[in-house]
């Protein structure tokens, strides 16, 4: 889970695996795979970095490269 901040200042956690899109409108609009939408204060760049850090915690062996040997 990553933490994000609503426009009213309340913080909540969201599962980054469910994020389908993020748009700058000028606030950031997050749309989940179930079509729920959240407007948050964080920029897309900040959210992207939080998601990367979350993935590193979940998958410490992942280095960002394809791990399947190509034939």
PDB file of N, CA and C in Angstrom:
ATOM      1  N   UNK A   1       0.842  -1.176   0.000  1.00  0.00           N
ATOM      2  CA  UNK A   1       0.000   0.000   0.000  1.00  0.00           C
ATOM      3  C   UNK A   1       0.891   1.244   0.000  1.00  0.00           C
ATOM      4  N   UNK A   2       0.400   2.276  -0.670  1.00  0.00           N
ATOM      5  CA  UNK A   2       1.085   3.569  -0.634  1.00  0.00           C
ATOM      6  C   UNK A   2       0.123   4.582  -0.023  1.00  0.00           C
ATOM      7  N   UNK A   3       0.682   5.589   0.626  1.00  0.00           N
ATOM      8  CA  UNK A   3      -0.138   6.618   1.241  1.00  0.00           C
ATOM      9  C   UNK A   3      -0.254   7.811   0.308  1.00  0.00           C
ATOM     10  N   UNK A   4      -1.489   8.327   0.209  1.00  0.00           N
ATOM     11  CA  UNK A   4      -1.783   9.507  -0.595  1.00  0.00           C
ATOM     12  C   UNK A   4      -2.621  10.463   0.240  1.00  0.00           C
ATOM     13  N   UNK A   5      -2.704  11.713  -0.200  1.00  0.00           N
ATOM     14  CA  UNK A   5      -3.421  12.733   0.557  1.00  0.00           C
ATOM     15  C   UNK A   5      -4.562  13.304  -0.276  1.00  0.00           C
ATOM     16  N   UNK A   6      -5.765  13.217   0.263  1.00  0.00           N
ATOM     17  CA  UNK A   6      -6.914  13.828  -0.404  1.00  0.00           C
ATOM     18  C   UNK A   6      -6.756  15.340  -0.404  1.00  0.00           C
ATOM     19  N   UNK A   7      -7.531  16.019  -1.195  1.00  0.00           N
ATOM     20  CA  UNK A   7      -7.501  17.476  -1.274  1.00  0.00           C
ATOM     21  C   UNK A   7      -7.824  18.108   0.083  1.00  0.00           C
ATOM     22  N   UNK A   8      -8.671  17.438   0.883  1.00  0.00           N
ATOM     23  CA  UNK A   8      -9.034  17.985   2.198  1.00  0.00           C
ATOM     24  C   UNK A   8      -7.965  17.733   3.255  1.00  0.00           C
ATOM     25  N   UNK A   9      -6.827  17.116   2.865  1.00  0.00           N
ATOM     26  CA  UNK A   9      -5.717  16.900   3.781  1.00  0.00           C
ATOM     27  C   UNK A   9      -5.706  15.555   4.479  1.00  0.00           C
ATOM     28  N   UNK A  10      -6.745  14.760   4.305  1.00  0.00           N
ATOM     29  CA  UNK A  10      -6.780  13.445   4.947  1.00  0.00           C
ATOM     30  C   UNK A  10      -5.955  12.445   4.149  1.00  0.00           C
ATOM     31  N   UNK A  11      -5.142  11.702   4.887  1.00  0.00           N
ATOM     32  CA  UNK A  11      -4.271  10.711   4.274  1.00  0.00           C
ATOM     33  C   UNK A  11      -4.954   9.346   4.299  1.00  0.00           C
ATOM     34  N   UNK A  12      -4.746   8.570   3.230  1.00  0.00           N
ATOM     35  CA  UNK A  12      -5.262   7.200   3.204  1.00  0.00           C
ATOM     36  C   UNK A  12      -4.334   6.342   2.363  1.00  0.00           C
ATOM     37  N   UNK A  13      -4.482   5.037   2.505  1.00  0.00           N
ATOM     38  CA  UNK A  13      -3.634   4.089   1.775  1.00  0.00           C
ATOM     39  C   UNK A  13      -4.395   3.535   0.582  1.00  0.00           C
ATOM     40  N   UNK A  14      -3.663   3.326  -0.488  1.00  0.00           N
ATOM     41  CA  UNK A  14      -4.261   2.776  -1.703  1.00  0.00           C
ATOM     42  C   UNK A  14      -3.356   1.660  -2.226  1.00  0.00           C
ATOM     43  N   UNK A  15      -3.965   0.643  -2.804  1.00  0.00           N
ATOM     44  CA  UNK A  15      -3.216  -0.478  -3.353  1.00  0.00           C
ATOM     45  C   UNK A  15      -2.743  -0.105  -4.759  1.00  0.00           C
ATOM     46  N   UNK A  16      -1.448   0.065  -4.969  1.00  0.00           N
ATOM     47  CA  UNK A  16      -0.974   0.487  -6.285  1.00  0.00           C
ATOM     48  C   UNK A  16      -1.202  -0.551  -7.384  1.00  0.00           C
ATOM     49  N   UNK A  17      -1.445  -1.795  -7.004  1.00  0.00           N
ATOM     50  CA  UNK A  17      -1.734  -2.823  -8.003  1.00  0.00           C
ATOM     51  C   UNK A  17      -3.083  -2.587  -8.676  1.00  0.00           C
ATOM     52  N   UNK A  18      -3.932  -1.778  -8.052  1.00  0.00           N
ATOM     53  CA  UNK A  18      -5.259  -1.515  -8.604  1.00  0.00           C
ATOM     54  C   UNK A  18      -5.332  -0.227  -9.415  1.00  0.00           C
ATOM     55  N   UNK A  19      -4.226   0.512  -9.493  1.00  0.00           N
ATOM     56  CA  UNK A  19      -4.234   1.767 -10.244  1.00  0.00           C
ATOM     57  C   UNK A  19      -4.196   1.468 -11.738  1.00  0.00           C
ATOM     58  N   UNK A  20      -5.193   2.016 -12.440  1.00  0.00           N
ATOM     59  CA  UNK A  20      -5.248   1.852 -13.886  1.00  0.00           C
ATOM     60  C   UNK A  20      -4.642   3.071 -14.588  1.00  0.00           C
ATOM     61  N   UNK A  21      -5.031   4.282 -14.139  1.00  0.00           N
ATOM     62  CA  UNK A  21      -4.488   5.499 -14.743  1.00  0.00           C
ATOM     63  C   UNK A  21      -4.270   6.564 -13.681  1.00  0.00           C
ATOM     64  N   UNK A  22      -3.372   7.513 -14.007  1.00  0.00           N
ATOM     65  CA  UNK A  22      -3.167   8.712 -13.195  1.00  0.00           C
ATOM     66  C   UNK A  22      -3.120   9.881 -14.165  1.00  0.00           C
ATOM     67  N   UNK A  23      -3.865  10.960 -13.844  1.00  0.00           N
ATOM     68  CA  UNK A  23      -3.908  12.136 -14.707  1.00  0.00           C
ATOM     69  C   UNK A  23      -3.684  13.388 -13.886  1.00  0.00           C
ATOM     70  N   UNK A  24      -2.996  14.361 -14.483  1.00  0.00           N
ATOM     71  CA  UNK A  24      -2.843  15.670 -13.853  1.00  0.00           C
ATOM     72  C   UNK A  24      -3.958  16.568 -14.379  1.00  0.00           C
ATOM     73  N   UNK A  25      -4.771  17.131 -13.452  1.00  0.00           N
ATOM     74  CA  UNK A  25      -5.968  17.852 -13.913  1.00  0.00           C
ATOM     75  C   UNK A  25      -6.256  19.182 -13.228  1.00  0.00           C
ATOM     76  N   UNK A  26      -5.555  20.041 -12.639  1.00  0.00           N
ATOM     77  CA  UNK A  26      -4.136  20.035 -12.305  1.00  0.00           C
ATOM     78  C   UNK A  26      -3.820  19.199 -11.083  1.00  0.00           C
ATOM     79  N   UNK A  27      -4.828  18.902 -10.232  1.00  0.00           N
ATOM     80  CA  UNK A  27      -4.571  17.939  -9.161  1.00  0.00           C
ATOM     81  C   UNK A  27      -4.445  16.573  -9.822  1.00  0.00           C
ATOM     82  N   UNK A  28      -4.026  15.582  -9.069  1.00  0.00           N
ATOM     83  CA  UNK A  28      -3.842  14.264  -9.659  1.00  0.00           C
ATOM     84  C   UNK A  28      -5.093  13.421  -9.455  1.00  0.00           C
ATOM     85  N   UNK A  29      -5.593  12.878 -10.545  1.00  0.00           N
ATOM     86  CA  UNK A  29      -6.760  12.007 -10.525  1.00  0.00           C
ATOM     87  C   UNK A  29      -6.287  10.576 -10.717  1.00  0.00           C
ATOM     88  N   UNK A  30      -6.562   9.724  -9.715  1.00  0.00           N
ATOM     89  CA  UNK A  30      -6.207   8.301  -9.783  1.00  0.00           C
ATOM     90  C   UNK A  30      -7.476   7.524 -10.091  1.00  0.00           C
ATOM     91  N   UNK A  31      -7.432   6.700 -11.128  1.00  0.00           N
ATOM     92  CA  UNK A  31      -8.554   5.821 -11.456  1.00  0.00           C
ATOM     93  C   UNK A  31      -8.104   4.387 -11.237  1.00  0.00           C
ATOM     94  N   UNK A  32      -8.911   3.642 -10.468  1.00  0.00           N
ATOM     95  CA  UNK A  32      -8.595   2.243 -10.181  1.00  0.00           C
ATOM     96  C   UNK A  32      -9.238   1.331 -11.214  1.00  0.00           C
ATOM     97  N   UNK A  33      -8.856   0.081 -11.198  1.00  0.00           N
ATOM     98  CA  UNK A  33      -9.400  -0.892 -12.145  1.00  0.00           C
ATOM     99  C   UNK A  33     -10.894  -1.126 -11.950  1.00  0.00           C
ATOM    100  N   UNK A  34     -11.409  -0.796 -10.756  1.00  0.00           N
ATOM    101  CA  UNK A  34     -12.853  -0.947 -10.511  1.00  0.00           C
ATOM    102  C   UNK A  34     -13.610   0.349 -10.820  1.00  0.00           C
ATOM    103  N   UNK A  35     -12.920   1.301 -11.486  1.00  0.00           N
ATOM    104  CA  UNK A  35     -13.447   2.592 -11.923  1.00  0.00           C
ATOM    105  C   UNK A  35     -13.664   3.605 -10.806  1.00  0.00           C
ATOM    106  N   UNK A  36     -13.257   3.298  -9.573  1.00  0.00           N
ATOM    107  CA  UNK A  36     -13.295   4.297  -8.498  1.00  0.00           C
ATOM    108  C   UNK A  36     -12.221   5.325  -8.775  1.00  0.00           C
ATOM    109  N   UNK A  37     -12.530   6.581  -8.430  1.00  0.00           N
ATOM    110  CA  UNK A  37     -11.594   7.673  -8.690  1.00  0.00           C
ATOM    111  C   UNK A  37     -11.295   8.433  -7.417  1.00  0.00           C
ATOM    112  N   UNK A  38     -10.047   8.889  -7.321  1.00  0.00           N
ATOM    113  CA  UNK A  38      -9.612   9.676  -6.170  1.00  0.00           C
ATOM    114  C   UNK A  38      -8.810  10.868  -6.676  1.00  0.00           C
ATOM    115  N   UNK A  39      -9.079  12.040  -6.127  1.00  0.00           N
ATOM    116  CA  UNK A  39      -8.280  13.221  -6.411  1.00  0.00           C
ATOM    117  C   UNK A  39      -7.344  13.413  -5.229  1.00  0.00           C
ATOM    118  N   UNK A  40      -6.047  13.485  -5.521  1.00  0.00           N
ATOM    119  CA  UNK A  40      -5.048  13.571  -4.465  1.00  0.00           C
ATOM    120  C   UNK A  40      -4.097  14.748  -4.723  1.00  0.00           C
ATOM    121  N   UNK A  41      -3.394  15.155  -3.668  1.00  0.00           N
ATOM    122  CA  UNK A  41      -2.475  16.292  -3.748  1.00  0.00           C
ATOM    123  C   UNK A  41      -1.150  15.943  -4.414  1.00  0.00           C
ATOM    124  N   UNK A  42      -0.707  14.705  -4.291  1.00  0.00           N
ATOM    125  CA  UNK A  42       0.603  14.313  -4.793  1.00  0.00           C
ATOM    126  C   UNK A  42       0.650  14.367  -6.322  1.00  0.00           C
ATOM    127  N   UNK A  43       1.811  14.719  -6.850  1.00  0.00           N
ATOM    128  CA  UNK A  43       1.998  14.720  -8.303  1.00  0.00           C
ATOM    129  C   UNK A  43       2.175  13.280  -8.802  1.00  0.00           C
ATOM    130  N   UNK A  44       2.036  13.107 -10.097  1.00  0.00           N
ATOM    131  CA  UNK A  44       2.250  11.786 -10.685  1.00  0.00           C
ATOM    132  C   UNK A  44       3.679  11.319 -10.431  1.00  0.00           C
ATOM    133  N   UNK A  45       4.632  12.225 -10.507  1.00  0.00           N
ATOM    134  CA  UNK A  45       6.039  11.867 -10.273  1.00  0.00           C
ATOM    135  C   UNK A  45       6.239  11.335  -8.854  1.00  0.00           C
ATOM    136  N   UNK A  46       5.635  11.994  -7.859  1.00  0.00           N
ATOM    137  CA  UNK A  46       5.737  11.537  -6.462  1.00  0.00           C
ATOM    138  C   UNK A  46       5.082  10.168  -6.318  1.00  0.00           C
ATOM    139  N   UNK A  47       3.909   9.990  -6.919  1.00  0.00           N
ATOM    140  CA  UNK A  47       3.214   8.703  -6.839  1.00  0.00           C
ATOM    141  C   UNK A  47       4.027   7.605  -7.515  1.00  0.00           C
ATOM    142  N   UNK A  48       4.606   7.919  -8.654  1.00  0.00           N
ATOM    143  CA  UNK A  48       5.429   6.942  -9.363  1.00  0.00           C
ATOM    144  C   UNK A  48       6.592   6.480  -8.478  1.00  0.00           C
ATOM    145  N   UNK A  49       7.242   7.417  -7.817  1.00  0.00           N
ATOM    146  CA  UNK A  49       8.356   7.057  -6.928  1.00  0.00           C
ATOM    147  C   UNK A  49       7.887   6.225  -5.743  1.00  0.00           C
ATOM    148  N   UNK A  50       6.724   6.524  -5.195  1.00  0.00           N
ATOM    149  CA  UNK A  50       6.180   5.723  -4.087  1.00  0.00           C
ATOM    150  C   UNK A  50       5.860   4.310  -4.547  1.00  0.00           C
ATOM    151  N   UNK A  51       5.331   4.183  -5.758  1.00  0.00           N
ATOM    152  CA  UNK A  51       5.014   2.857  -6.296  1.00  0.00           C
ATOM    153  C   UNK A  51       6.297   2.063  -6.514  1.00  0.00           C
ATOM    154  N   UNK A  52       7.327   2.707  -7.020  1.00  0.00           N
ATOM    155  CA  UNK A  52       8.619   2.029  -7.222  1.00  0.00           C
ATOM    156  C   UNK A  52       9.168   1.530  -5.892  1.00  0.00           C
ATOM    157  N   UNK A  53       9.128   2.376  -4.867  1.00  0.00           N
ATOM    158  CA  UNK A  53       9.616   1.970  -3.541  1.00  0.00           C
ATOM    159  C   UNK A  53       8.778   0.826  -2.971  1.00  0.00           C
ATOM    160  N   UNK A  54       7.473   0.885  -3.172  1.00  0.00           N
ATOM    161  CA  UNK A  54       6.577  -0.193  -2.722  1.00  0.00           C
ATOM    162  C   UNK A  54       6.958  -1.513  -3.403  1.00  0.00           C
ATOM    163  N   UNK A  55       7.184  -1.461  -4.711  1.00  0.00           N
ATOM    164  CA  UNK A  55       7.545  -2.680  -5.450  1.00  0.00           C
ATOM    165  C   UNK A  55       8.896  -3.232  -4.985  1.00  0.00           C
ATOM    166  N   UNK A  56       9.828  -2.342  -4.694  1.00  0.00           N
ATOM    167  CA  UNK A  56      11.129  -2.800  -4.187  1.00  0.00           C
ATOM    168  C   UNK A  56      10.983  -3.525  -2.857  1.00  0.00           C
ATOM    169  N   UNK A  57      10.068  -3.056  -2.006  1.00  0.00           N
ATOM    170  CA  UNK A  57       9.822  -3.735  -0.726  1.00  0.00           C
ATOM    171  C   UNK A  57       9.166  -5.094  -0.937  1.00  0.00           C
ATOM    172  N   UNK A  58       8.234  -5.156  -1.873  1.00  0.00           N
ATOM    173  CA  UNK A  58       7.498  -6.409  -2.117  1.00  0.00           C
ATOM    174  C   UNK A  58       8.336  -7.436  -2.866  1.00  0.00           C
ATOM    175  N   UNK A  59       9.180  -6.953  -3.779  1.00  0.00           N
ATOM    176  CA  UNK A  59       9.962  -7.836  -4.643  1.00  0.00           C
ATOM    177  C   UNK A  59      11.429  -7.395  -4.627  1.00  0.00           C
ATOM    178  N   UNK A  60      12.145  -7.648  -3.530  1.00  0.00           N
ATOM    179  CA  UNK A  60      13.530  -7.163  -3.422  1.00  0.00           C
ATOM    180  C   UNK A  60      14.461  -7.714  -4.499  1.00  0.00           C
ATOM    181  N   UNK A  61      14.133  -8.853  -5.097  1.00  0.00           N
ATOM    182  CA  UNK A  61      14.992  -9.422  -6.131  1.00  0.00           C
ATOM    183  C   UNK A  61      14.767  -8.770  -7.494  1.00  0.00           C
ATOM    184  N   UNK A  62      13.683  -7.998  -7.653  1.00  0.00           N
ATOM    185  CA  UNK A  62      13.375  -7.359  -8.930  1.00  0.00           C
ATOM    186  C   UNK A  62      14.309  -6.178  -9.172  1.00  0.00           C
ATOM    187  N   UNK A  63      14.943  -6.148 -10.340  1.00  0.00           N
ATOM    188  CA  UNK A  63      15.865  -5.057 -10.655  1.00  0.00           C
ATOM    189  C   UNK A  63      15.389  -4.206 -11.821  1.00  0.00           C
ATOM    190  N   UNK A  64      14.158  -4.437 -12.271  1.00  0.00           N
ATOM    191  CA  UNK A  64      13.606  -3.633 -13.347  1.00  0.00           C
ATOM    192  C   UNK A  64      13.902  -4.167 -14.737  1.00  0.00           C
ATOM    193  N   UNK A  65      14.506  -5.313 -14.808  1.00  0.00           N
ATOM    194  CA  UNK A  65      14.829  -5.909 -16.107  1.00  0.00           C
ATOM    195  C   UNK A  65      14.055  -7.190 -16.296  1.00  0.00           C
ATOM    196  N   UNK A  66      13.932  -7.586 -17.537  1.00  0.00           N
ATOM    197  CA  UNK A  66      13.269  -8.831 -17.872  1.00  0.00           C
ATOM    198  C   UNK A  66      14.120  -9.986 -17.336  1.00  0.00           C
ATOM    199  N   UNK A  67      13.521 -10.844 -16.509  1.00  0.00           N
ATOM    200  CA  UNK A  67      14.277 -11.943 -15.913  1.00  0.00           C
ATOM    201  C   UNK A  67      14.148 -13.238 -16.683  1.00  0.00           C
ATOM    202  N   UNK A  68      13.373 -13.230 -17.774  1.00  0.00           N
ATOM    203  CA  UNK A  68      13.203 -14.433 -18.591  1.00  0.00           C
ATOM    204  C   UNK A  68      14.314 -14.466 -19.626  1.00  0.00           C
ATOM    205  N   UNK A  69      14.997 -15.589 -19.689  1.00  0.00           N
ATOM    206  CA  UNK A  69      16.054 -15.734 -20.684  1.00  0.00           C
ATOM    207  C   UNK A  69      15.439 -15.787 -22.082  1.00  0.00           C
ATOM    208  N   UNK A  70      15.986 -14.969 -22.970  1.00  0.00           N
ATOM    209  CA  UNK A  70      15.489 -14.973 -24.336  1.00  0.00           C
ATOM    210  C   UNK A  70      16.256 -16.009 -25.128  1.00  0.00           C
ATOM    211  N   UNK A  71      15.541 -16.736 -25.966  1.00  0.00           N
ATOM    212  CA  UNK A  71      16.145 -17.815 -26.763  1.00  0.00           C
ATOM    213  C   UNK A  71      16.478 -17.310 -28.129  1.00  0.00           C
TER     214      UNK A  71
END
